[in-house]
């Protein structure tokens, strides 16, 4: 393929395999409904931060998901602790008891 004075080598298979982008955005495009008051606040925040509305919503959702991810981590650790023996060895229990008995509370 020749473009001006530049020549490009493109295999026929590459041409057949090429798929055009699905849209002009780099991510999933979606529509949501918001109360007018929240929409207005979001518009003001986007202007203050000098970011697009999409960027603001993306950041907000990322933060929300990050804040709730610990719940999933806790659930996974709870499940793991139920599957694994977590009781200390008898020697460690006796040693710990001796230390606590000698210590003044």
Protein backbone atom coordinates (compact mmCIF):
# COMPACT_ATOMS: atom_id res chain seq x y z
CA UNK A 1 0.00 0.00 0.00
CA UNK A 2 1.40 3.42 -0.93
CA UNK A 3 0.48 6.66 0.81
CA UNK A 4 2.19 9.63 -0.80
CA UNK A 5 5.89 8.83 -0.79
CA UNK A 6 5.44 6.31 2.06
CA UNK A 7 5.02 2.63 1.35
CA UNK A 8 3.34 0.27 3.82
CA UNK A 9 3.54 -3.50 3.76
CA UNK A 10 0.21 -4.98 4.88
CA UNK A 11 -0.57 -8.65 4.62
CA UNK A 12 -3.92 -9.69 3.15
CA UNK A 13 -4.70 -11.55 6.41
CA UNK A 14 -4.10 -8.36 8.45
CA UNK A 15 -6.59 -6.54 6.25
CA UNK A 16 -9.16 -9.31 6.75
CA UNK A 17 -8.57 -9.44 10.53
CA UNK A 18 -8.82 -5.67 11.04
CA UNK A 19 -11.91 -4.48 12.89
CA UNK A 20 -12.86 -0.82 13.11
CA UNK A 21 -13.21 0.76 16.57
CA UNK A 22 -16.68 0.43 18.03
CA UNK A 23 -17.00 4.12 18.84
CA UNK A 24 -15.15 7.33 19.40
CA UNK A 25 -14.61 6.62 23.10
CA UNK A 26 -12.03 4.32 24.65
CA UNK A 27 -14.47 2.75 27.08
CA UNK A 28 -18.02 1.58 27.51
CA UNK A 29 -20.60 4.24 26.75
CA UNK A 30 -23.65 4.15 29.00
CA UNK A 31 -26.62 6.30 30.01
CA UNK A 32 -27.68 6.96 33.58
CA UNK A 33 -30.44 8.96 35.24
CA UNK A 34 -29.62 11.37 38.07
CA UNK A 35 -31.70 13.71 40.19
CA UNK A 36 -31.37 17.30 38.92
CA UNK A 37 -29.66 18.46 42.12
CA UNK A 38 -26.91 15.82 41.92
CA UNK A 39 -26.45 16.45 38.21
CA UNK A 40 -25.97 20.17 38.91
CA UNK A 41 -23.46 19.48 41.67
CA UNK A 42 -21.58 17.11 39.38
CA UNK A 43 -21.47 19.75 36.63
CA UNK A 44 -20.01 22.28 39.08
CA UNK A 45 -17.45 19.77 40.36
CA UNK A 46 -16.36 18.83 36.83
CA UNK A 47 -15.82 22.52 36.02
CA UNK A 48 -13.91 23.07 39.27
CA UNK A 49 -11.66 20.07 38.59
CA UNK A 50 -11.43 20.97 34.88
CA UNK A 51 -12.40 17.45 33.80
CA UNK A 52 -15.17 16.12 31.60
CA UNK A 53 -18.40 14.86 33.09
CA UNK A 54 -17.43 11.34 31.99
CA UNK A 55 -14.08 11.62 33.78
CA UNK A 56 -15.78 12.86 36.96
CA UNK A 57 -18.29 9.98 36.92
CA UNK A 58 -15.51 7.50 36.21
CA UNK A 59 -13.46 8.77 39.16
CA UNK A 60 -16.50 8.71 41.43
CA UNK A 61 -17.34 5.13 40.50
CA UNK A 62 -13.72 4.03 40.92
CA UNK A 63 -13.67 5.53 44.41
CA UNK A 64 -16.98 3.90 45.31
CA UNK A 65 -15.79 0.49 44.12
CA UNK A 66 -12.49 0.86 45.98
CA UNK A 67 -14.30 1.74 49.19
CA UNK A 68 -16.47 -1.36 48.94
CA UNK A 69 -13.72 -3.75 47.85
CA UNK A 70 -12.65 -4.37 51.50
CA UNK A 71 -16.01 -6.08 52.03
CA UNK A 72 -15.06 -8.64 49.40
CA UNK A 73 -11.60 -9.05 50.92
CA UNK A 74 -13.11 -9.59 54.37
CA UNK A 75 -15.53 -12.17 53.01
CA UNK A 76 -12.68 -14.04 51.28
CA UNK A 77 -10.55 -14.01 54.45
CA UNK A 78 -13.49 -15.20 56.55
CA UNK A 79 -14.05 -18.09 54.15
CA UNK A 80 -10.36 -18.96 54.21
CA UNK A 81 -10.16 -18.87 58.01
CA UNK A 82 -13.08 -21.30 58.18
CA UNK A 83 -11.21 -23.72 55.92
CA UNK A 84 -7.81 -23.49 57.65
CA UNK A 85 -6.97 -24.61 61.17
CA UNK A 86 -6.27 -21.39 63.06
CA UNK A 87 -5.79 -22.76 66.56
CA UNK A 88 -2.22 -22.41 67.85
CA UNK A 89 -0.11 -25.44 68.61
CA UNK A 90 -0.41 -26.76 72.21
CA UNK A 91 3.18 -25.65 72.99
CA UNK A 92 2.43 -22.08 71.93
CA UNK A 93 -0.80 -22.01 73.94
CA UNK A 94 1.04 -23.17 77.10
CA UNK A 95 3.88 -20.69 76.56
CA UNK A 96 1.45 -17.84 76.02
CA UNK A 97 -0.50 -18.76 79.14
CA UNK A 98 2.72 -18.78 81.23
CA UNK A 99 3.68 -15.34 79.97
CA UNK A 100 0.25 -13.95 80.77
CA UNK A 101 0.23 -15.55 84.26
CA UNK A 102 3.58 -13.89 85.13
CA UNK A 103 2.56 -10.48 83.83
CA UNK A 104 0.69 -8.03 86.06
CA UNK A 105 -2.46 -6.69 84.49
